[in-house]
């Protein structure tokens, strides 16, 4: 899968992770004084892409909410986005990202422009969240360090339980003929059995 970059884009803004042969796992550490949401998994297979997340929101070691919706459709349903990390921060980023989509009409360009703002804007730099975004052609993780990361293959995970979800998804992709949606659902349920910050109240969207 070739690396894509908008003409004139800073080459440091869009990069492919090294040392991860089958995807990208971006986990987050937990500050006990902040409210967090995890886990998000995106799988692309047979011309379809599915993004799913659990419903648990935590404050330290306490469950604050069990049915949060961390995955949503943006840009008239053409883009899927999920968040891990600080929930209030993530909703701010959702709004900013959708504004970039409306302005540029292109997922890659919108992701790069949001990453630029996130890295340079003093108020945005305080936000602690990760976004996983996908359309019919591309999938990216956007981070507050100015990175727009494209998975080497068709699998990406963010959040505390992402390592477990990604490992399960890799196994399903290599050993069976499940759909992207089925892989996301089964993998997130496995993560929920292991990660204390992940539950089985899932939201899955598909393009």
C-alpha atoms as a PDB file:
ATOM      1  CA  UNK A   1       0.000   0.000   0.000  1.00  0.00           C
ATOM      2  CA  UNK A   2       1.838   3.154  -1.129  1.00  0.00           C
ATOM      3  CA  UNK A   3       2.325   6.104   1.155  1.00  0.00           C
ATOM      4  CA  UNK A   4       0.076   8.995   0.184  1.00  0.00           C
ATOM      5  CA  UNK A   5       0.806  12.655   0.720  1.00  0.00           C
ATOM      6  CA  UNK A   6      -0.929  15.801  -0.402  1.00  0.00           C
ATOM      7  CA  UNK A   7       1.128  17.927  -2.827  1.00  0.00           C
ATOM      8  CA  UNK A   8       3.252  20.376  -0.862  1.00  0.00           C
ATOM      9  CA  UNK A   9       2.610  18.665   2.481  1.00  0.00           C
ATOM     10  CA  UNK A  10       5.356  18.569   5.073  1.00  0.00           C
ATOM     11  CA  UNK A  11       6.871  15.065   4.777  1.00  0.00           C
ATOM     12  CA  UNK A  12       7.069  14.822   8.558  1.00  0.00           C
ATOM     13  CA  UNK A  13       3.310  15.188   8.862  1.00  0.00           C
ATOM     14  CA  UNK A  14       2.440  11.924   7.138  1.00  0.00           C
ATOM     15  CA  UNK A  15       4.462   8.882   7.959  1.00  0.00           C
ATOM     16  CA  UNK A  16       4.231   5.153   8.110  1.00  0.00           C
ATOM     17  CA  UNK A  17       5.108   3.420  11.387  1.00  0.00           C
ATOM     18  CA  UNK A  18       8.138   1.168  11.349  1.00  0.00           C
ATOM     19  CA  UNK A  19       8.606  -2.139  13.096  1.00  0.00           C
ATOM     20  CA  UNK A  20       4.897  -3.021  13.038  1.00  0.00           C
ATOM     21  CA  UNK A  21       4.448  -5.410  10.138  1.00  0.00           C
ATOM     22  CA  UNK A  22       0.701  -5.867  10.295  1.00  0.00           C
ATOM     23  CA  UNK A  23      -0.712  -2.586  11.563  1.00  0.00           C
ATOM     24  CA  UNK A  24      -0.399   0.120  14.169  1.00  0.00           C
ATOM     25  CA  UNK A  25      -1.113  -0.095  17.893  1.00  0.00           C
ATOM     26  CA  UNK A  26      -1.267   3.260  19.636  1.00  0.00           C
ATOM     27  CA  UNK A  27      -1.944   2.755  23.339  1.00  0.00           C
ATOM     28  CA  UNK A  28      -2.388   5.534  25.872  1.00  0.00           C
ATOM     29  CA  UNK A  29      -1.394   5.888  29.505  1.00  0.00           C
ATOM     30  CA  UNK A  30      -4.082   6.812  32.043  1.00  0.00           C
ATOM     31  CA  UNK A  31      -3.965   9.862  34.298  1.00  0.00           C
ATOM     32  CA  UNK A  32      -6.183   9.021  37.325  1.00  0.00           C
ATOM     33  CA  UNK A  33      -7.605  12.557  37.338  1.00  0.00           C
ATOM     34  CA  UNK A  34      -8.841  12.555  33.733  1.00  0.00           C
ATOM     35  CA  UNK A  35     -11.867  10.951  32.080  1.00  0.00           C
ATOM     36  CA  UNK A  36     -10.892   8.522  29.321  1.00  0.00           C
ATOM     37  CA  UNK A  37     -12.524   6.457  26.612  1.00  0.00           C
ATOM     38  CA  UNK A  38     -11.032   3.385  24.904  1.00  0.00           C
ATOM     39  CA  UNK A  39     -10.757   1.135  22.694  1.00  0.00           C
ATOM     40  CA  UNK A  40     -10.990   1.760  18.905  1.00  0.00           C
ATOM     41  CA  UNK A  41     -10.235  -0.706  16.099  1.00  0.00           C
ATOM     42  CA  UNK A  42     -10.394  -0.182  12.331  1.00  0.00           C
ATOM     43  CA  UNK A  43     -10.217  -3.016   9.782  1.00  0.00           C
ATOM     44  CA  UNK A  44     -10.291  -2.770   5.995  1.00  0.00           C
ATOM     45  CA  UNK A  45     -11.100  -5.906   4.000  1.00  0.00           C
ATOM     46  CA  UNK A  46     -12.632  -6.887   0.664  1.00  0.00           C
ATOM     47  CA  UNK A  47     -13.451  -3.303  -0.267  1.00  0.00           C
ATOM     48  CA  UNK A  48     -15.121  -2.495   3.053  1.00  0.00           C
ATOM     49  CA  UNK A  49     -13.850  -0.650   6.125  1.00  0.00           C
ATOM     50  CA  UNK A  50     -15.274  -0.988   9.641  1.00  0.00           C
ATOM     51  CA  UNK A  51     -14.446   1.141  12.677  1.00  0.00           C
ATOM     52  CA  UNK A  52     -15.619   0.030  16.104  1.00  0.00           C
ATOM     53  CA  UNK A  53     -15.248   1.052  19.712  1.00  0.00           C
ATOM     54  CA  UNK A  54     -16.423  -0.027  23.130  1.00  0.00           C
ATOM     55  CA  UNK A  55     -18.662   2.049  25.386  1.00  0.00           C
ATOM     56  CA  UNK A  56     -16.652   2.382  28.590  1.00  0.00           C
ATOM     57  CA  UNK A  57     -15.544   5.729  29.965  1.00  0.00           C
ATOM     58  CA  UNK A  58     -13.291   5.656  33.014  1.00  0.00           C
ATOM     59  CA  UNK A  59     -12.045   8.051  35.681  1.00  0.00           C
ATOM     60  CA  UNK A  60      -9.026   6.461  37.312  1.00  0.00           C
ATOM     61  CA  UNK A  61     -10.176   2.979  38.281  1.00  0.00           C
ATOM     62  CA  UNK A  62     -13.887   3.821  38.229  1.00  0.00           C
ATOM     63  CA  UNK A  63     -16.352   3.317  35.382  1.00  0.00           C
ATOM     64  CA  UNK A  64     -18.125   6.616  34.750  1.00  0.00           C
ATOM     65  CA  UNK A  65     -20.238   5.466  31.788  1.00  0.00           C
ATOM     66  CA  UNK A  66     -20.713   2.146  30.033  1.00  0.00           C
ATOM     67  CA  UNK A  67     -22.550   3.123  26.842  1.00  0.00           C
ATOM     68  CA  UNK A  68     -20.580   6.022  25.382  1.00  0.00           C
ATOM     69  CA  UNK A  69     -20.561   6.338  21.608  1.00  0.00           C
ATOM     70  CA  UNK A  70     -16.918   6.742  20.575  1.00  0.00           C
ATOM     71  CA  UNK A  71     -17.392   6.069  16.855  1.00  0.00           C
ATOM     72  CA  UNK A  72     -19.447   8.270  14.578  1.00  0.00           C
ATOM     73  CA  UNK A  73     -20.050   9.189  10.962  1.00  0.00           C
ATOM     74  CA  UNK A  74     -18.859  12.572   9.721  1.00  0.00           C
ATOM     75  CA  UNK A  75     -19.076  14.546   6.486  1.00  0.00           C
ATOM     76  CA  UNK A  76     -22.549  13.336   5.448  1.00  0.00           C
ATOM     77  CA  UNK A  77     -21.709   9.769   6.443  1.00  0.00           C
ATOM     78  CA  UNK A  78     -18.693   9.499   4.120  1.00  0.00           C
ATOM     79  CA  UNK A  79     -16.072   9.395   6.884  1.00  0.00           C
ATOM     80  CA  UNK A  80     -15.862   7.243  10.012  1.00  0.00           C
ATOM     81  CA  UNK A  81     -14.078   8.546  13.099  1.00  0.00           C
ATOM     82  CA  UNK A  82     -13.347   7.078  16.515  1.00  0.00           C
ATOM     83  CA  UNK A  83     -11.531   8.466  19.538  1.00  0.00           C
ATOM     84  CA  UNK A  84      -9.469   7.220  22.452  1.00  0.00           C
ATOM     85  CA  UNK A  85      -8.295   9.394  25.319  1.00  0.00           C
ATOM     86  CA  UNK A  86      -9.857  12.376  27.047  1.00  0.00           C
ATOM     87  CA  UNK A  87     -13.518  12.480  26.071  1.00  0.00           C
ATOM     88  CA  UNK A  88     -14.050  16.250  26.177  1.00  0.00           C
ATOM     89  CA  UNK A  89     -10.826  16.706  24.225  1.00  0.00           C
ATOM     90  CA  UNK A  90     -11.948  14.170  21.638  1.00  0.00           C
ATOM     91  CA  UNK A  91     -15.255  15.930  20.977  1.00  0.00           C
ATOM     92  CA  UNK A  92     -13.371  19.196  20.406  1.00  0.00           C
ATOM     93  CA  UNK A  93     -11.169  17.390  17.893  1.00  0.00           C
ATOM     94  CA  UNK A  94     -14.187  15.817  16.173  1.00  0.00           C
ATOM     95  CA  UNK A  95     -15.602  19.292  15.569  1.00  0.00           C
ATOM     96  CA  UNK A  96     -12.288  20.618  14.287  1.00  0.00           C
ATOM     97  CA  UNK A  97     -11.787  17.622  12.028  1.00  0.00           C
ATOM     98  CA  UNK A  98     -15.256  17.838  10.515  1.00  0.00           C
ATOM     99  CA  UNK A  99     -14.599  21.509   9.840  1.00  0.00           C
ATOM    100  CA  UNK A 100     -11.446  20.553   7.938  1.00  0.00           C
ATOM    101  CA  UNK A 101     -13.413  17.977   5.949  1.00  0.00           C
ATOM    102  CA  UNK A 102     -15.973  20.590   4.995  1.00  0.00           C
ATOM    103  CA  UNK A 103     -13.237  23.007   3.965  1.00  0.00           C
ATOM    104  CA  UNK A 104     -10.972  20.667   1.977  1.00  0.00           C
ATOM    105  CA  UNK A 105     -13.304  17.828   0.948  1.00  0.00           C
ATOM    106  CA  UNK A 106     -10.514  15.264   1.218  1.00  0.00           C
ATOM    107  CA  UNK A 107      -9.687  12.936   4.128  1.00  0.00           C
ATOM    108  CA  UNK A 108      -5.918  13.042   3.699  1.00  0.00           C
ATOM    109  CA  UNK A 109      -5.755  16.822   3.424  1.00  0.00           C
ATOM    110  CA  UNK A 110      -8.154  17.292   6.347  1.00  0.00           C
ATOM    111  CA  UNK A 111      -6.086  14.950   8.542  1.00  0.00           C
ATOM    112  CA  UNK A 112      -2.845  16.778   7.687  1.00  0.00           C
ATOM    113  CA  UNK A 113      -4.363  20.196   8.340  1.00  0.00           C
ATOM    114  CA  UNK A 114      -5.815  19.100  11.694  1.00  0.00           C
ATOM    115  CA  UNK A 115      -2.439  17.662  12.716  1.00  0.00           C
ATOM    116  CA  UNK A 116      -0.761  20.955  11.804  1.00  0.00           C
ATOM    117  CA  UNK A 117      -3.223  22.920  13.936  1.00  0.00           C
ATOM    118  CA  UNK A 118      -2.998  20.412  16.769  1.00  0.00           C
ATOM    119  CA  UNK A 119       0.757  20.733  16.922  1.00  0.00           C
ATOM    120  CA  UNK A 120       0.977  24.509  16.554  1.00  0.00           C
ATOM    121  CA  UNK A 121      -2.141  25.833  18.299  1.00  0.00           C
ATOM    122  CA  UNK A 122      -1.449  26.467  21.983  1.00  0.00           C
ATOM    123  CA  UNK A 123      -4.961  25.517  23.123  1.00  0.00           C
ATOM    124  CA  UNK A 124      -5.118  22.371  20.996  1.00  0.00           C
ATOM    125  CA  UNK A 125      -1.743  21.181  22.260  1.00  0.00           C
ATOM    126  CA  UNK A 126      -3.290  20.616  25.676  1.00  0.00           C
ATOM    127  CA  UNK A 127      -5.806  18.120  24.281  1.00  0.00           C
ATOM    128  CA  UNK A 128      -5.113  14.479  25.140  1.00  0.00           C
ATOM    129  CA  UNK A 129      -6.792  12.176  22.654  1.00  0.00           C
ATOM    130  CA  UNK A 130      -6.146  10.190  19.503  1.00  0.00           C
ATOM    131  CA  UNK A 131      -8.399  10.047  16.461  1.00  0.00           C
ATOM    132  CA  UNK A 132      -8.808   7.125  14.087  1.00  0.00           C
ATOM    133  CA  UNK A 133     -10.422   8.239  10.819  1.00  0.00           C
ATOM    134  CA  UNK A 134     -11.335   6.345   7.658  1.00  0.00           C
ATOM    135  CA  UNK A 135     -13.144   6.748   4.371  1.00  0.00           C
ATOM    136  CA  UNK A 136     -13.700   4.344   1.501  1.00  0.00           C
ATOM    137  CA  UNK A 137     -10.025   4.525   0.481  1.00  0.00           C
ATOM    138  CA  UNK A 138      -7.793   5.511   3.423  1.00  0.00           C
ATOM    139  CA  UNK A 139      -7.353   5.036   7.163  1.00  0.00           C
ATOM    140  CA  UNK A 140      -5.280   7.273   9.473  1.00  0.00           C
ATOM    141  CA  UNK A 141      -4.492   7.902  13.109  1.00  0.00           C
ATOM    142  CA  UNK A 142      -4.080  11.591  13.984  1.00  0.00           C
ATOM    143  CA  UNK A 143      -2.031  12.472  17.061  1.00  0.00           C
ATOM    144  CA  UNK A 144      -1.290  15.654  18.986  1.00  0.00           C
ATOM    145  CA  UNK A 145       2.397  15.482  18.069  1.00  0.00           C
ATOM    146  CA  UNK A 146       1.556  16.437  14.496  1.00  0.00           C
ATOM    147  CA  UNK A 147       1.639  12.901  13.097  1.00  0.00           C
ATOM    148  CA  UNK A 148      -0.779  11.462  10.572  1.00  0.00           C
ATOM    149  CA  UNK A 149      -0.086   7.734  10.619  1.00  0.00           C
ATOM    150  CA  UNK A 150      -1.240   5.394   7.881  1.00  0.00           C
ATOM    151  CA  UNK A 151      -1.220   1.663   8.713  1.00  0.00           C
ATOM    152  CA  UNK A 152       1.155  -0.426   6.652  1.00  0.00           C
ATOM    153  CA  UNK A 153      -1.616  -2.956   6.138  1.00  0.00           C
ATOM    154  CA  UNK A 154      -5.360  -2.757   6.663  1.00  0.00           C
ATOM    155  CA  UNK A 155      -5.528  -2.740  10.452  1.00  0.00           C
ATOM    156  CA  UNK A 156      -5.155  -0.060  13.118  1.00  0.00           C
ATOM    157  CA  UNK A 157      -5.984   0.261  16.806  1.00  0.00           C
ATOM    158  CA  UNK A 158      -5.836   3.022  19.425  1.00  0.00           C
ATOM    159  CA  UNK A 159      -6.506   3.120  23.137  1.00  0.00           C
ATOM    160  CA  UNK A 160      -5.608   1.035  26.157  1.00  0.00           C
ATOM    161  CA  UNK A 161      -7.051  -2.189  24.790  1.00  0.00           C
ATOM    162  CA  UNK A 162      -5.813  -1.685  21.250  1.00  0.00           C
ATOM    163  CA  UNK A 163      -2.949  -4.178  21.550  1.00  0.00           C
ATOM    164  CA  UNK A 164      -5.320  -6.979  22.469  1.00  0.00           C
ATOM    165  CA  UNK A 165      -7.874  -6.013  19.809  1.00  0.00           C
ATOM    166  CA  UNK A 166      -5.205  -5.698  17.147  1.00  0.00           C
ATOM    167  CA  UNK A 167      -3.617  -9.056  17.964  1.00  0.00           C
ATOM    168  CA  UNK A 168      -7.003 -10.761  17.725  1.00  0.00           C
ATOM    169  CA  UNK A 169      -7.830  -8.977  14.462  1.00  0.00           C
ATOM    170  CA  UNK A 170      -4.505  -9.998  12.931  1.00  0.00           C
ATOM    171  CA  UNK A 171      -5.242 -13.617  13.753  1.00  0.00           C
ATOM    172  CA  UNK A 172      -8.734 -13.429  12.259  1.00  0.00           C
ATOM    173  CA  UNK A 173      -7.436 -11.793   9.080  1.00  0.00           C
ATOM    174  CA  UNK A 174      -4.784 -14.456   8.583  1.00  0.00           C
ATOM    175  CA  UNK A 175      -6.859 -17.516   9.395  1.00  0.00           C
ATOM    176  CA  UNK A 176     -10.355 -16.974   8.043  1.00  0.00           C
ATOM    177  CA  UNK A 177     -12.671 -15.207   5.631  1.00  0.00           C
ATOM    178  CA  UNK A 178     -14.590 -12.987   8.051  1.00  0.00           C
ATOM    179  CA  UNK A 179     -15.846  -9.570   6.986  1.00  0.00           C
ATOM    180  CA  UNK A 180     -14.267  -6.377   8.273  1.00  0.00           C
ATOM    181  CA  UNK A 181     -17.232  -5.782  10.567  1.00  0.00           C
ATOM    182  CA  UNK A 182     -17.133  -9.310  12.013  1.00  0.00           C
ATOM    183  CA  UNK A 183     -13.403  -9.015  12.689  1.00  0.00           C
ATOM    184  CA  UNK A 184     -13.873  -5.705  14.497  1.00  0.00           C
ATOM    185  CA  UNK A 185     -16.717  -7.090  16.614  1.00  0.00           C
ATOM    186  CA  UNK A 186     -14.948 -10.307  17.602  1.00  0.00           C
ATOM    187  CA  UNK A 187     -11.656  -8.585  18.275  1.00  0.00           C
ATOM    188  CA  UNK A 188     -13.163  -5.888  20.491  1.00  0.00           C
ATOM    189  CA  UNK A 189     -14.990  -8.537  22.499  1.00  0.00           C
ATOM    190  CA  UNK A 190     -11.699 -10.336  23.064  1.00  0.00           C
ATOM    191  CA  UNK A 191     -10.102  -7.056  24.167  1.00  0.00           C
ATOM    192  CA  UNK A 192     -12.995  -6.538  26.603  1.00  0.00           C
ATOM    193  CA  UNK A 193     -12.156  -9.867  28.235  1.00  0.00           C
ATOM    194  CA  UNK A 194      -8.603  -8.675  28.942  1.00  0.00           C
ATOM    195  CA  UNK A 195      -8.486  -4.866  29.216  1.00  0.00           C
ATOM    196  CA  UNK A 196     -10.162  -3.346  32.290  1.00  0.00           C
ATOM    197  CA  UNK A 197     -10.806  -0.104  30.361  1.00  0.00           C
ATOM    198  CA  UNK A 198     -12.815  -1.857  27.610  1.00  0.00           C
ATOM    199  CA  UNK A 199     -16.337  -3.300  27.758  1.00  0.00           C
ATOM    200  CA  UNK A 200     -18.671  -5.198  25.430  1.00  0.00           C
ATOM    201  CA  UNK A 201     -21.047  -2.340  24.670  1.00  0.00           C
ATOM    202  CA  UNK A 202     -19.871  -1.865  21.101  1.00  0.00           C
ATOM    203  CA  UNK A 203     -20.527   0.695  18.391  1.00  0.00           C
ATOM    204  CA  UNK A 204     -19.455  -0.358  14.895  1.00  0.00           C
ATOM    205  CA  UNK A 205     -19.836   1.670  11.715  1.00  0.00           C
ATOM    206  CA  UNK A 206     -19.001   0.451   8.215  1.00  0.00           C
ATOM    207  CA  UNK A 207     -18.388   1.902   4.765  1.00  0.00           C
END
